[in-house]
Every structure is written in structure tokens, then in C-alpha cells.
């Protein structure tokens, strides 16, 4: 699925980094908080080395999709328990996620499918629900 975006928002713990990124790309708005950046967003991308969640389920609307590509160790996590447990969780590798992904391990989230299973048409995902793709590579 390819999406068109009417708005792109960015947040960083280091505002100077967010401003630099926004200055290098047209139409990006720098936000003062994670919540401001993600409220009512259709697609959210997290790319951090966080050890505590930075994205909370209470901020993410139904039908939103989260690409969580950071925090790739068992002791790191970007997403809180509520978001992980209430979303359809897709991973690149189930066996890897179950031993490497703090987001999966610490939240005790159920992995619905691997990306390859969806691409092969073996598993379908209800896009009206919140979805999380947790990448480890």
C-alpha cells in the first residue's frame, strides 16, 4: 500500500536535530513533543535507541500504522504495553523478535504475522485496526 501524505511532523529529543532534518526536506513541521507529532497521524515511524517507551497507545488512533524500526535489543523499547498489546503486530522474523525485540518481549505482545506471510497472501491484516510493524533489521 502506498500512501500520500498531506502533513509530515517530526520530533526529536534534540530539537536542533529535528530542525536540521526539517530544513533538508520540504513541508516538514517540527513538533515540541512526541504526543503533538503523533496525535491523529495515519502513519508513525519511530527510530530511537530508547530503553523506555516514547510512544504511547493512548496517543495513537485506531487505524493508524506504526513502523517501529529502532530499539532492536531485548532491553530497549519504543512502544508501551498498551500499544503493543492492542495492535496487530507484524515482524520481519517471529523467531528473532521473540528473542531480540524488547518491544515484543517486555510487553508480552502477540505477534500476528511475519511480513513475508502478509506479502505471500498467507495472512491478511485488518487495516481498520492499529497495526505495528516491528523491524529488527
N, C-alpha and C. Protein backbone atom coordinates (compact mmCIF):
# COMPACT_ATOMS: atom_id res chain seq x y z
N UNK A 1 0.84 -1.18 0.00
CA UNK A 1 0.00 0.00 0.00
C UNK A 1 0.89 1.24 0.00
N UNK A 2 0.63 2.13 -0.91
CA UNK A 2 1.35 3.40 -0.98
C UNK A 2 0.40 4.50 -0.53
N UNK A 3 0.88 5.37 0.31
CA UNK A 3 0.05 6.44 0.84
C UNK A 3 0.59 7.79 0.43
N UNK A 4 -0.33 8.74 0.27
CA UNK A 4 0.05 10.13 0.06
C UNK A 4 -0.07 10.84 1.40
N UNK A 5 0.84 11.71 1.68
CA UNK A 5 0.84 12.44 2.94
C UNK A 5 0.56 13.91 2.70
N UNK A 6 -0.35 14.46 3.49
CA UNK A 6 -0.66 15.89 3.39
C UNK A 6 0.12 16.67 4.44
N UNK A 7 0.62 15.97 5.44
CA UNK A 7 1.38 16.62 6.50
C UNK A 7 2.42 15.64 7.02
N UNK A 8 3.62 16.14 7.30
CA UNK A 8 4.67 15.33 7.90
C UNK A 8 5.17 16.10 9.12
N UNK A 9 5.16 15.42 10.27
CA UNK A 9 5.60 16.03 11.52
C UNK A 9 6.79 15.24 12.06
N UNK A 10 7.69 15.93 12.73
CA UNK A 10 8.88 15.27 13.28
C UNK A 10 9.13 15.79 14.69
N UNK A 11 9.63 14.89 15.53
CA UNK A 11 10.06 15.24 16.88
C UNK A 11 11.37 14.53 17.14
N UNK A 12 12.22 15.15 17.92
CA UNK A 12 13.46 14.54 18.36
C UNK A 12 13.76 15.01 19.77
N UNK A 13 14.44 14.17 20.53
CA UNK A 13 14.88 14.60 21.87
C UNK A 13 15.79 15.81 21.76
N UNK A 14 16.46 15.92 20.63
CA UNK A 14 17.34 17.05 20.36
C UNK A 14 16.66 17.92 19.29
N UNK A 15 16.05 19.01 19.71
CA UNK A 15 15.28 19.84 18.78
C UNK A 15 16.13 20.31 17.59
N UNK A 16 17.41 20.58 17.83
CA UNK A 16 18.28 21.02 16.73
C UNK A 16 18.35 19.95 15.64
N UNK A 17 18.36 18.68 16.02
CA UNK A 17 18.37 17.60 15.02
C UNK A 17 17.07 17.60 14.22
N UNK A 18 15.95 17.79 14.90
CA UNK A 18 14.66 17.83 14.21
C UNK A 18 14.59 19.01 13.26
N UNK A 19 15.08 20.16 13.69
CA UNK A 19 15.07 21.36 12.84
C UNK A 19 15.98 21.18 11.63
N UNK A 20 17.13 20.57 11.83
CA UNK A 20 18.04 20.31 10.71
C UNK A 20 17.38 19.38 9.70
N UNK A 21 16.76 18.30 10.18
CA UNK A 21 16.07 17.36 9.31
C UNK A 21 14.96 18.07 8.53
N UNK A 22 14.17 18.87 9.22
CA UNK A 22 13.07 19.59 8.57
C UNK A 22 13.58 20.58 7.53
N UNK A 23 14.71 21.19 7.80
CA UNK A 23 15.26 22.18 6.84
C UNK A 23 15.77 21.51 5.57
N UNK A 24 16.05 20.23 5.64
CA UNK A 24 16.57 19.49 4.48
C UNK A 24 15.46 18.87 3.63
N UNK A 25 14.21 18.97 4.10
CA UNK A 25 13.08 18.37 3.40
C UNK A 25 11.91 19.35 3.41
N UNK A 26 11.23 19.46 2.30
CA UNK A 26 10.11 20.40 2.20
C UNK A 26 8.90 19.94 2.99
N UNK A 27 8.22 20.89 3.62
CA UNK A 27 6.91 20.64 4.20
C UNK A 27 6.89 19.87 5.51
N UNK A 28 7.98 19.81 6.23
CA UNK A 28 8.00 19.09 7.50
C UNK A 28 7.87 20.08 8.64
N UNK A 29 6.98 19.75 9.59
CA UNK A 29 6.75 20.61 10.75
C UNK A 29 7.41 19.97 11.97
N UNK A 30 8.22 20.74 12.68
CA UNK A 30 8.86 20.28 13.91
C UNK A 30 7.88 20.46 15.06
N UNK A 31 7.74 19.41 15.87
CA UNK A 31 6.81 19.43 17.00
C UNK A 31 7.57 19.49 18.31
N UNK A 32 6.91 20.02 19.33
CA UNK A 32 7.53 20.18 20.64
C UNK A 32 7.45 18.95 21.51
N UNK A 33 6.63 17.95 21.12
CA UNK A 33 6.51 16.73 21.92
C UNK A 33 6.17 15.56 21.01
N UNK A 34 6.40 14.36 21.51
CA UNK A 34 6.02 13.16 20.77
C UNK A 34 4.51 13.16 20.56
N UNK A 35 3.77 13.46 21.61
CA UNK A 35 2.31 13.46 21.51
C UNK A 35 1.83 14.39 20.40
N UNK A 36 2.37 15.59 20.34
CA UNK A 36 1.99 16.54 19.28
C UNK A 36 2.30 15.97 17.90
N UNK A 37 3.41 15.28 17.79
CA UNK A 37 3.84 14.74 16.50
C UNK A 37 2.95 13.59 16.02
N UNK A 38 2.39 12.82 16.96
CA UNK A 38 1.68 11.60 16.56
C UNK A 38 0.16 11.66 16.66
N UNK A 39 -0.39 12.60 17.40
CA UNK A 39 -1.86 12.68 17.55
C UNK A 39 -2.52 12.75 16.19
N UNK A 40 -3.49 11.87 15.95
CA UNK A 40 -4.28 11.83 14.72
C UNK A 40 -3.48 11.47 13.47
N UNK A 41 -2.25 11.00 13.63
CA UNK A 41 -1.44 10.59 12.48
C UNK A 41 -1.93 9.26 11.93
N UNK A 42 -1.85 9.11 10.62
CA UNK A 42 -2.18 7.84 9.97
C UNK A 42 -1.00 6.88 10.00
N UNK A 43 0.21 7.42 9.88
CA UNK A 43 1.43 6.61 9.89
C UNK A 43 2.42 7.26 10.85
N UNK A 44 3.02 6.43 11.69
CA UNK A 44 4.01 6.90 12.66
C UNK A 44 5.26 6.05 12.49
N UNK A 45 6.42 6.69 12.47
CA UNK A 45 7.69 5.98 12.37
C UNK A 45 8.52 6.33 13.60
N UNK A 46 9.00 5.30 14.29
CA UNK A 46 9.89 5.51 15.43
C UNK A 46 11.26 4.94 15.08
N UNK A 47 12.28 5.74 15.36
CA UNK A 47 13.66 5.33 15.06
C UNK A 47 14.51 5.82 16.23
N UNK A 48 14.50 5.07 17.33
CA UNK A 48 15.22 5.50 18.53
C UNK A 48 16.04 4.34 19.09
N UNK A 49 16.85 4.66 20.05
CA UNK A 49 17.56 3.65 20.83
C UNK A 49 17.03 3.69 22.27
N UNK A 50 15.75 4.00 22.42
CA UNK A 50 15.14 4.17 23.73
C UNK A 50 15.14 2.88 24.54
N UNK A 51 15.27 3.03 25.85
CA UNK A 51 15.15 1.88 26.74
C UNK A 51 13.80 1.91 27.46
N UNK A 52 13.12 3.02 27.39
CA UNK A 52 11.77 3.18 27.94
C UNK A 52 10.87 3.67 26.80
N UNK A 53 9.59 3.30 26.81
CA UNK A 53 8.70 3.72 25.72
C UNK A 53 8.66 5.23 25.52
N UNK A 54 8.63 5.62 24.25
CA UNK A 54 8.45 7.03 23.89
C UNK A 54 7.11 7.24 23.19
N UNK A 55 6.49 6.16 22.73
CA UNK A 55 5.20 6.23 22.03
C UNK A 55 4.18 5.43 22.83
N UNK A 56 3.06 6.09 23.14
CA UNK A 56 2.04 5.51 24.00
C UNK A 56 0.74 5.28 23.24
N UNK A 57 0.13 4.14 23.52
CA UNK A 57 -1.10 3.75 22.84
C UNK A 57 -2.20 4.79 22.96
N UNK A 58 -2.27 5.50 24.06
CA UNK A 58 -3.33 6.49 24.25
C UNK A 58 -3.23 7.63 23.25
N UNK A 59 -2.09 7.79 22.58
CA UNK A 59 -1.91 8.85 21.59
C UNK A 59 -2.18 8.37 20.17
N UNK A 60 -2.28 7.07 19.96
CA UNK A 60 -2.34 6.50 18.60
C UNK A 60 -3.78 6.10 18.28
N UNK A 61 -4.30 6.66 17.20
CA UNK A 61 -5.70 6.40 16.84
C UNK A 61 -5.87 5.02 16.22
N UNK A 62 -7.10 4.52 16.28
CA UNK A 62 -7.44 3.28 15.59
C UNK A 62 -7.20 3.46 14.10
N UNK A 63 -6.70 2.45 13.45
CA UNK A 63 -6.44 2.51 12.01
C UNK A 63 -5.07 3.08 11.66
N UNK A 64 -4.35 3.59 12.66
CA UNK A 64 -3.00 4.11 12.40
C UNK A 64 -2.03 2.95 12.24
N UNK A 65 -0.96 3.20 11.51
CA UNK A 65 0.09 2.20 11.34
C UNK A 65 1.38 2.76 11.92
N UNK A 66 2.09 1.94 12.71
CA UNK A 66 3.36 2.31 13.31
C UNK A 66 4.46 1.45 12.72
N UNK A 67 5.50 2.10 12.19
CA UNK A 67 6.72 1.41 11.78
C UNK A 67 7.74 1.66 12.89
N UNK A 68 8.03 0.66 13.68
CA UNK A 68 8.98 0.79 14.79
C UNK A 68 10.28 0.13 14.35
N UNK A 69 11.26 0.94 14.00
CA UNK A 69 12.49 0.39 13.42
C UNK A 69 13.71 0.57 14.31
N UNK A 70 13.53 1.19 15.47
CA UNK A 70 14.65 1.35 16.40
C UNK A 70 14.53 0.37 17.55
N UNK A 71 15.30 0.63 18.60
CA UNK A 71 15.25 -0.16 19.83
C UNK A 71 15.23 -1.65 19.52
N UNK A 72 16.33 -2.16 19.00
CA UNK A 72 16.39 -3.53 18.49
C UNK A 72 17.02 -4.54 19.44
N UNK A 73 17.11 -4.19 20.71
CA UNK A 73 17.69 -5.14 21.67
C UNK A 73 16.63 -5.54 22.71
N UNK A 74 16.84 -6.65 23.39
CA UNK A 74 15.85 -7.12 24.36
C UNK A 74 15.59 -6.16 25.52
N UNK A 75 16.54 -5.27 25.80
CA UNK A 75 16.38 -4.33 26.91
C UNK A 75 15.97 -2.94 26.44
N UNK A 76 15.62 -2.78 25.18
CA UNK A 76 15.20 -1.50 24.63
C UNK A 76 13.76 -1.58 24.17
N UNK A 77 13.08 -0.43 24.23
CA UNK A 77 11.72 -0.40 23.69
C UNK A 77 11.31 1.02 23.38
N UNK A 78 10.52 1.14 22.33
CA UNK A 78 9.99 2.43 21.90
C UNK A 78 8.50 2.56 22.20
N UNK A 79 7.79 1.43 22.27
CA UNK A 79 6.33 1.41 22.33
C UNK A 79 5.86 0.85 23.67
N UNK A 80 4.79 1.43 24.23
CA UNK A 80 4.30 0.97 25.52
C UNK A 80 3.46 -0.30 25.39
N UNK A 81 3.17 -0.90 26.55
CA UNK A 81 2.40 -2.16 26.58
C UNK A 81 1.04 -2.00 25.92
N UNK A 82 0.34 -0.90 26.21
CA UNK A 82 -0.99 -0.70 25.65
C UNK A 82 -0.97 -0.74 24.13
N UNK A 83 -0.03 -0.03 23.53
CA UNK A 83 0.06 -0.01 22.07
C UNK A 83 0.40 -1.38 21.51
N UNK A 84 1.36 -2.04 22.11
CA UNK A 84 1.78 -3.36 21.61
C UNK A 84 0.69 -4.40 21.79
N UNK A 85 0.00 -4.39 22.92
CA UNK A 85 -0.99 -5.43 23.21
C UNK A 85 -2.32 -5.20 22.50
N UNK A 86 -2.61 -3.96 22.10
CA UNK A 86 -3.89 -3.68 21.46
C UNK A 86 -3.79 -3.56 19.93
N UNK A 87 -2.62 -3.77 19.40
CA UNK A 87 -2.39 -3.63 17.96
C UNK A 87 -2.16 -4.98 17.31
N UNK A 88 -2.35 -5.01 16.01
CA UNK A 88 -1.91 -6.15 15.21
C UNK A 88 -0.41 -5.97 15.03
N UNK A 89 0.37 -6.92 15.52
CA UNK A 89 1.83 -6.81 15.49
C UNK A 89 2.39 -7.71 14.39
N UNK A 90 3.15 -7.08 13.52
CA UNK A 90 3.80 -7.78 12.41
C UNK A 90 5.31 -7.57 12.57
N UNK A 91 6.07 -8.62 12.31
CA UNK A 91 7.52 -8.55 12.45
C UNK A 91 8.18 -9.06 11.17
N UNK A 92 9.46 -8.78 11.03
CA UNK A 92 10.17 -9.34 9.88
C UNK A 92 10.47 -10.82 10.14
N UNK A 93 10.78 -11.18 11.38
CA UNK A 93 11.06 -12.58 11.74
C UNK A 93 10.51 -12.85 13.14
N UNK A 94 9.57 -13.75 13.25
CA UNK A 94 8.97 -14.09 14.55
C UNK A 94 10.04 -14.62 15.51
N UNK A 95 10.88 -15.54 15.03
CA UNK A 95 11.89 -16.14 15.92
C UNK A 95 12.88 -15.09 16.42
N UNK A 96 13.25 -14.15 15.58
CA UNK A 96 14.15 -13.08 16.00
C UNK A 96 13.47 -12.13 16.97
N UNK A 97 12.24 -11.74 16.66
CA UNK A 97 11.51 -10.79 17.51
C UNK A 97 11.33 -11.33 18.92
N UNK A 98 11.11 -12.63 19.04
CA UNK A 98 10.85 -13.24 20.34
C UNK A 98 12.08 -13.29 21.24
N UNK A 99 13.28 -13.09 20.67
CA UNK A 99 14.50 -13.08 21.49
C UNK A 99 15.26 -11.76 21.43
N UNK A 100 14.97 -10.91 20.44
CA UNK A 100 15.73 -9.67 20.25
C UNK A 100 14.95 -8.39 20.50
N UNK A 101 13.63 -8.42 20.37
CA UNK A 101 12.85 -7.18 20.43
C UNK A 101 12.28 -6.92 21.82
N UNK A 102 12.82 -5.91 22.50
CA UNK A 102 12.27 -5.52 23.79
C UNK A 102 10.82 -5.12 23.69
N UNK A 103 10.43 -4.49 22.59
CA UNK A 103 9.03 -4.12 22.41
C UNK A 103 8.12 -5.34 22.47
N UNK A 104 8.52 -6.42 21.87
CA UNK A 104 7.73 -7.66 21.87
C UNK A 104 7.89 -8.39 23.20
N UNK A 105 9.12 -8.60 23.63
CA UNK A 105 9.40 -9.39 24.83
C UNK A 105 8.81 -8.75 26.08
N UNK A 106 9.11 -7.48 26.31
CA UNK A 106 8.73 -6.82 27.56
C UNK A 106 7.24 -6.54 27.64
N UNK A 107 6.58 -6.36 26.51
CA UNK A 107 5.14 -6.09 26.52
C UNK A 107 4.32 -7.37 26.53
N UNK A 108 4.98 -8.49 26.22
CA UNK A 108 4.30 -9.78 26.08
C UNK A 108 3.24 -9.74 24.97
N UNK A 109 3.52 -8.94 23.95
CA UNK A 109 2.60 -8.81 22.82
C UNK A 109 2.58 -10.09 22.00
N UNK A 110 1.45 -10.35 21.39
CA UNK A 110 1.30 -11.48 20.49
C UNK A 110 1.66 -11.03 19.08
N UNK A 111 2.57 -11.74 18.45
CA UNK A 111 2.93 -11.46 17.06
C UNK A 111 1.89 -12.11 16.16
N UNK A 112 1.23 -11.30 15.35
CA UNK A 112 0.18 -11.80 14.46
C UNK A 112 0.75 -12.47 13.23
N UNK A 113 1.79 -11.87 12.66
CA UNK A 113 2.33 -12.40 11.41
C UNK A 113 3.73 -11.88 11.15
N UNK A 114 4.41 -12.57 10.25
CA UNK A 114 5.66 -12.06 9.69
C UNK A 114 5.31 -11.31 8.41
N UNK A 115 6.11 -10.32 8.07
CA UNK A 115 5.86 -9.53 6.86
C UNK A 115 5.79 -10.43 5.63
N UNK A 116 6.62 -11.44 5.56
CA UNK A 116 6.61 -12.36 4.42
C UNK A 116 5.30 -13.10 4.27
N UNK A 117 4.66 -13.45 5.39
CA UNK A 117 3.36 -14.13 5.34
C UNK A 117 2.29 -13.23 4.75
N UNK A 118 2.37 -11.94 5.06
CA UNK A 118 1.40 -10.98 4.50
C UNK A 118 1.68 -10.79 3.02
N UNK A 119 2.96 -10.62 2.66
CA UNK A 119 3.33 -10.41 1.26
C UNK A 119 2.94 -11.61 0.40
N UNK A 120 3.00 -12.81 0.98
CA UNK A 120 2.66 -14.04 0.23
C UNK A 120 1.16 -14.30 0.21
N UNK A 121 0.39 -13.45 0.90
CA UNK A 121 -1.06 -13.63 0.93
C UNK A 121 -1.53 -14.71 1.88
N UNK A 122 -0.63 -15.20 2.75
CA UNK A 122 -0.99 -16.25 3.71
C UNK A 122 -1.76 -15.71 4.91
N UNK A 123 -1.54 -14.44 5.22
CA UNK A 123 -2.19 -13.78 6.35
C UNK A 123 -2.68 -12.43 5.87
N UNK A 124 -3.90 -12.07 6.26
CA UNK A 124 -4.40 -10.72 5.94
C UNK A 124 -4.54 -9.94 7.24
N UNK A 125 -4.46 -8.63 7.13
CA UNK A 125 -4.48 -7.75 8.29
C UNK A 125 -5.63 -6.77 8.13
N UNK A 126 -6.38 -6.57 9.20
CA UNK A 126 -7.49 -5.62 9.22
C UNK A 126 -6.94 -4.21 9.36
N UNK A 127 -6.94 -3.45 8.27
CA UNK A 127 -6.35 -2.11 8.27
C UNK A 127 -7.19 -1.08 9.02
N UNK A 128 -8.36 -1.47 9.50
CA UNK A 128 -9.15 -0.53 10.31
C UNK A 128 -8.66 -0.54 11.77
N UNK A 129 -7.82 -1.52 12.11
CA UNK A 129 -7.23 -1.59 13.46
C UNK A 129 -5.85 -0.99 13.45
N UNK A 130 -5.36 -0.69 14.63
CA UNK A 130 -3.97 -0.21 14.74
C UNK A 130 -3.04 -1.36 14.39
N UNK A 131 -2.00 -1.04 13.62
CA UNK A 131 -1.01 -2.03 13.25
C UNK A 131 0.38 -1.53 13.64
N UNK A 132 1.22 -2.46 14.02
CA UNK A 132 2.62 -2.15 14.34
C UNK A 132 3.49 -3.10 13.53
N UNK A 133 4.42 -2.53 12.78
CA UNK A 133 5.47 -3.34 12.16
C UNK A 133 6.72 -3.12 12.97
N UNK A 134 7.19 -4.16 13.65
CA UNK A 134 8.41 -4.08 14.45
C UNK A 134 9.53 -4.71 13.65
N UNK A 135 10.44 -3.86 13.18
CA UNK A 135 11.56 -4.33 12.36
C UNK A 135 12.79 -4.51 13.23
N UNK A 136 13.53 -5.54 12.91
CA UNK A 136 14.80 -5.78 13.62
C UNK A 136 15.99 -5.69 12.69
N UNK A 137 15.77 -5.38 11.46
CA UNK A 137 16.91 -5.37 10.55
C UNK A 137 16.75 -4.47 9.46
